[in-house]
Amino acid sequence: MGPTAPSTLRLTQQAPVVAPRAGMGLHGVLYGASPTGSEDPRMDVTPTALPDVLVLTSPIHTDARGWLVECFSAAEMRACGLPDRFVQENCSTSHTGVLRGLHFQEGPAQGKLLQVVQGSIYDVVVDLRADSPTLGRWAGLRLAASQPARLWVPPGMAHGFYVTEGPAVVMYQLTAPYAPQWDHCLAWDDPTVGVRWPLQGSPLLSERDRQGLAWSQVPKWRRPPALPGAGA
């Protein structure tokens, strides 16, 4: 009996999924034709409840040996209008019941491209962008190594996750380096934001995450002004 293909990704608080259609832009579902010139796009882009937070999935190639999936392509990221260069990559390992977050950088805000390569997590993103129509809203979704997908989290978002099956290994690619002087933590259980975590017992937290800021204390992120002549 051959290997089982990965199962379908499950989303929580998901925005309606639009049927794939060539020519759609970043905030649609597909970017159109593949950069290689084939008729079928190689990467699907699915918005979550926060439209700028995107789930990226690529075709899974399965045979008697197992399966293979493309985890990153600079050409495909560019075609989606997403960053194709990252300056730092992190890896974390967490036991079942660990909750990390909700973390963000106020100054050189980080865009994050992340993927679970072992175990499974419930991932949460909170919009902190001062000019965003979804300021204060959150999106949650399950990510698992058995359901290969990447999550794009743009700058100006608080991010965290709860481990539902450990050990969970999460890989992050970052658009800006870690800057501890700008690093903050939004309380994971802030009542104003009201994230509904799928907890099974009390979560295992770091001391820093136990002392997260209330929503009213969190600095809201503002986009840096464009440089003169930018985009000209």
Protein backbone atom coordinates (compact mmCIF):
# COMPACT_ATOMS: atom_id res chain seq x y z
CA MET A 1 0.00 0.00 0.00
CA GLY A 2 1.44 3.39 -1.02
CA PRO A 3 1.94 6.37 1.26
CA THR A 4 -1.01 8.53 2.19
CA ALA A 5 -1.07 12.02 0.75
CA PRO A 6 -1.29 14.86 3.28
CA SER A 7 -4.81 15.81 4.30
CA THR A 8 -6.57 19.09 3.57
CA LEU A 9 -5.69 22.14 5.65
CA ARG A 10 -8.40 23.28 8.06
CA LEU A 11 -8.98 26.99 8.61
CA THR A 12 -10.74 28.72 11.49
CA GLN A 13 -12.48 32.08 11.06
CA GLN A 14 -11.73 31.67 7.38
CA ALA A 15 -12.79 34.23 4.82
CA PRO A 16 -14.90 32.76 1.99
CA VAL A 17 -12.66 30.88 -0.41
CA VAL A 18 -12.91 32.22 -3.94
CA ALA A 19 -12.80 29.74 -6.79
CA PRO A 20 -9.40 29.77 -8.52
CA ARG A 21 -9.31 32.17 -11.45
CA ALA A 22 -6.31 33.29 -13.46
CA GLY A 23 -5.42 36.95 -13.21
CA MET A 24 -6.49 37.53 -9.61
CA GLY A 25 -4.15 39.68 -7.55
CA LEU A 26 -2.63 39.37 -4.12
CA HIS A 27 -5.93 39.60 -2.24
CA GLY A 28 -7.67 37.06 -4.43
CA VAL A 29 -6.84 33.40 -4.30
CA LEU A 30 -4.50 32.76 -7.21
CA TYR A 31 -1.99 34.98 -8.89
CA GLY A 32 -2.62 33.54 -12.35
CA ALA A 33 -0.35 31.53 -14.61
CA SER A 34 2.79 29.93 -13.27
CA PRO A 35 6.07 31.83 -13.84
CA THR A 36 7.25 28.73 -15.70
CA GLY A 37 4.63 29.33 -18.37
CA SER A 38 2.43 26.32 -17.57
CA GLU A 39 -1.32 26.82 -17.67
CA ASP A 40 -1.98 25.74 -14.11
CA PRO A 41 -0.63 27.88 -11.23
CA ARG A 42 1.70 26.04 -8.91
CA MET A 43 0.82 27.93 -5.73
CA ASP A 44 -2.61 28.65 -4.32
CA VAL A 45 -3.08 31.73 -2.12
CA THR A 46 -6.01 31.58 0.31
CA PRO A 47 -6.95 34.56 2.52
CA THR A 48 -7.92 34.04 6.15
CA ALA A 49 -10.32 36.14 8.24
CA LEU A 50 -7.59 38.80 8.03
CA PRO A 51 -7.36 39.21 4.24
CA ASP A 52 -3.64 40.08 4.25
CA VAL A 53 -2.76 36.94 6.21
CA LEU A 54 -2.44 34.27 3.56
CA VAL A 55 -2.19 30.49 3.41
CA LEU A 56 0.15 29.37 0.60
CA THR A 57 -0.15 25.83 -0.72
CA SER A 58 1.68 24.08 -3.54
CA PRO A 59 0.98 20.81 -5.38
CA ILE A 60 2.01 17.67 -3.49
CA HIS A 61 3.81 15.03 -5.55
CA THR A 62 3.18 11.53 -4.18
CA ASP A 63 4.59 8.17 -5.22
CA ALA A 64 5.56 4.87 -3.63
CA ARG A 65 8.46 6.51 -1.77
CA GLY A 66 6.40 9.21 -0.05
CA TRP A 67 5.68 12.77 -1.12
CA LEU A 68 7.44 16.00 -2.04
CA VAL A 69 6.26 19.60 -1.96
CA GLU A 70 7.96 22.86 -2.95
CA CYS A 71 8.31 24.92 0.24
CA PHE A 72 9.67 28.14 -1.23
CA SER A 73 10.10 29.72 -4.65
CA ALA A 74 11.30 33.31 -5.02
CA ALA A 75 9.71 33.50 -8.47
CA GLU A 76 6.33 32.38 -7.17
CA MET A 77 6.48 34.77 -4.23
CA ARG A 78 7.25 37.66 -6.57
CA ALA A 79 4.40 36.66 -8.85
CA CYS A 80 2.06 36.86 -5.85
CA GLY A 81 3.34 40.31 -4.91
CA LEU A 82 4.91 38.89 -1.75
CA PRO A 83 8.46 39.35 -0.45
CA ASP A 84 10.97 37.00 -2.03
CA ARG A 85 13.96 37.88 0.17
CA PHE A 86 14.31 37.15 3.87
CA VAL A 87 17.10 38.26 6.18
CA GLN A 88 16.72 35.76 9.03
CA GLU A 89 15.40 32.24 9.57
CA ASN A 90 14.42 30.81 12.97
CA CYS A 91 13.38 27.38 14.15
CA SER A 92 11.49 26.59 17.36
CA THR A 93 10.58 23.30 19.03
CA SER A 94 7.68 23.21 21.51
CA HIS A 95 6.01 20.51 23.57
CA THR A 96 2.27 19.75 23.56
CA GLY A 97 0.41 22.41 25.53
CA VAL A 98 2.99 25.16 24.99
CA LEU A 99 1.59 28.57 24.03
CA ARG A 100 3.93 31.13 22.48
CA GLY A 101 2.82 34.72 21.91
CA LEU A 102 1.42 37.00 20.98
CA HIS A 103 4.70 38.57 19.76
CA PHE A 104 5.46 41.53 17.49
CA GLN A 105 8.09 44.17 16.73
CA GLU A 106 7.05 47.80 16.83
CA GLY A 107 9.98 49.38 14.95
CA PRO A 108 11.45 47.31 12.10
CA ALA A 109 8.29 45.21 11.87
CA GLN A 110 8.77 41.67 10.65
CA GLY A 111 6.89 39.94 7.89
CA LYS A 112 6.90 36.19 8.58
CA LEU A 113 6.66 33.17 6.30
CA LEU A 114 6.25 30.13 8.51
CA GLN A 115 5.67 26.41 8.19
CA VAL A 116 5.20 23.52 10.61
CA VAL A 117 7.62 20.68 9.81
CA GLN A 118 6.73 18.42 12.75
CA GLY A 119 3.61 18.13 14.91
CA SER A 120 0.66 20.53 14.73
CA ILE A 121 -0.29 23.94 16.12
CA TYR A 122 -3.20 26.34 16.36
CA ASP A 123 -1.78 29.54 14.90
CA VAL A 124 -3.17 32.99 15.77
CA VAL A 125 -2.56 36.40 14.18
CA VAL A 126 -3.89 39.73 15.54
CA ASP A 127 -4.01 42.88 13.40
CA LEU A 128 -2.13 45.78 15.06
CA ARG A 129 -2.02 48.10 12.03
CA ALA A 130 -3.39 51.50 13.02
CA ASP A 131 -4.78 52.22 9.54
CA SER A 132 -6.30 48.77 8.98
CA PRO A 133 -10.06 48.15 8.71
CA THR A 134 -9.44 44.91 10.64
CA LEU A 135 -7.51 46.52 13.52
CA GLY A 136 -8.01 44.42 16.65
CA ARG A 137 -9.42 41.41 14.81
CA TRP A 138 -7.78 38.01 14.91
CA ALA A 139 -7.58 34.94 12.71
CA GLY A 140 -6.84 31.39 13.85
CA LEU A 141 -6.01 28.27 11.87
CA ARG A 142 -4.53 24.84 12.36
CA LEU A 143 -1.18 24.12 10.74
CA ALA A 144 0.36 20.66 10.70
CA ALA A 145 3.36 18.92 9.21
CA SER A 146 0.98 16.40 7.64
CA GLN A 147 -0.79 19.29 5.84
CA PRO A 148 2.10 21.13 4.17
CA ALA A 149 1.27 24.80 3.83
CA ARG A 150 2.99 28.09 4.55
CA LEU A 151 1.46 31.04 6.36
CA TRP A 152 2.33 34.60 5.32
CA VAL A 153 2.00 37.11 8.18
CA PRO A 154 2.65 40.69 7.00
CA PRO A 155 4.35 43.37 9.11
CA GLY A 156 2.17 44.98 11.77
CA MET A 157 0.67 41.76 13.15
CA ALA A 158 1.02 40.03 16.52
CA HIS A 159 1.63 36.32 16.14
CA GLY A 160 1.53 33.26 18.36
CA PHE A 161 0.54 29.61 18.49
CA TYR A 162 -0.61 26.81 20.77
CA VAL A 163 0.82 23.31 20.30
CA THR A 164 -1.92 20.74 19.81
CA GLU A 165 0.46 17.89 18.93
CA GLY A 166 4.04 18.01 20.04
CA PRO A 167 6.84 18.22 19.72
CA ALA A 168 6.01 20.90 17.16
CA VAL A 169 8.84 22.25 15.01
CA VAL A 170 8.10 25.59 13.35
CA MET A 171 10.34 27.27 10.76
CA TYR A 172 10.14 31.06 10.29
CA GLN A 173 11.60 33.22 7.54
CA LEU A 174 11.67 36.92 8.49
CA THR A 175 11.82 40.10 6.42
CA ALA A 176 13.58 42.06 9.20
CA PRO A 177 16.09 40.96 11.84
CA TYR A 178 15.17 40.51 15.47
CA ALA A 179 15.42 43.83 17.35
CA PRO A 180 14.94 43.24 21.10
CA GLN A 181 14.52 46.95 21.87
CA TRP A 182 11.37 46.96 19.69
CA ASP A 183 10.03 43.59 20.77
CA HIS A 184 6.63 43.40 22.52
CA CYS A 185 4.10 40.82 23.63
CA LEU A 186 0.30 41.17 23.55
CA ALA A 187 -1.36 39.12 26.29
CA TRP A 188 -2.52 35.82 24.83
CA ASP A 189 -5.73 35.97 26.90
CA ASP A 190 -6.56 39.66 26.50
CA PRO A 191 -10.37 39.94 26.84
CA THR A 192 -10.68 42.79 24.36
CA VAL A 193 -9.12 40.77 21.55
CA GLY A 194 -10.86 37.60 22.74
CA VAL A 195 -8.87 34.87 20.98
CA ARG A 196 -10.61 31.50 21.35
CA TRP A 197 -7.71 29.12 21.90
CA PRO A 198 -8.41 25.35 21.72
CA LEU A 199 -6.78 24.80 25.11
CA GLN A 200 -6.65 21.45 26.85
CA GLY A 201 -5.72 22.46 30.35
CA SER A 202 -3.57 25.40 31.39
CA PRO A 203 -1.02 26.38 28.71
CA LEU A 204 2.71 26.22 29.35
CA LEU A 205 3.96 29.84 29.10
CA SER A 206 7.26 31.66 29.38
CA GLU A 207 7.55 34.34 32.05
CA ARG A 208 7.57 36.96 29.33
CA ASP A 209 4.31 35.68 27.84
CA ARG A 210 2.65 35.58 31.26
CA GLN A 211 3.26 39.33 31.48
CA GLY A 212 1.91 40.29 28.06
CA LEU A 213 0.46 43.75 27.51
CA ALA A 214 -3.26 44.51 27.52
CA TRP A 215 -4.77 45.66 24.22
CA SER A 216 -5.02 49.23 25.53
CA GLN A 217 -1.27 49.23 26.26
CA VAL A 218 -0.10 47.78 22.97
CA PRO A 219 1.51 50.26 20.56
CA LYS A 220 -0.34 50.15 17.26
CA TRP A 221 1.84 49.83 14.19
CA ARG A 222 2.00 52.60 11.60
CA ARG A 223 3.50 52.11 8.17
CA PRO A 224 6.72 54.07 7.70
CA PRO A 225 6.35 57.01 5.29
CA ALA A 226 7.40 56.35 1.73
CA LEU A 227 10.80 57.71 0.77
CA PRO A 228 10.84 60.64 -1.70
CA GLY A 229 10.80 59.28 -5.21
CA ALA A 230 9.89 55.76 -4.12
CA GLY A 231 8.01 53.93 -6.79
CA ALA A 232 8.87 56.51 -9.42
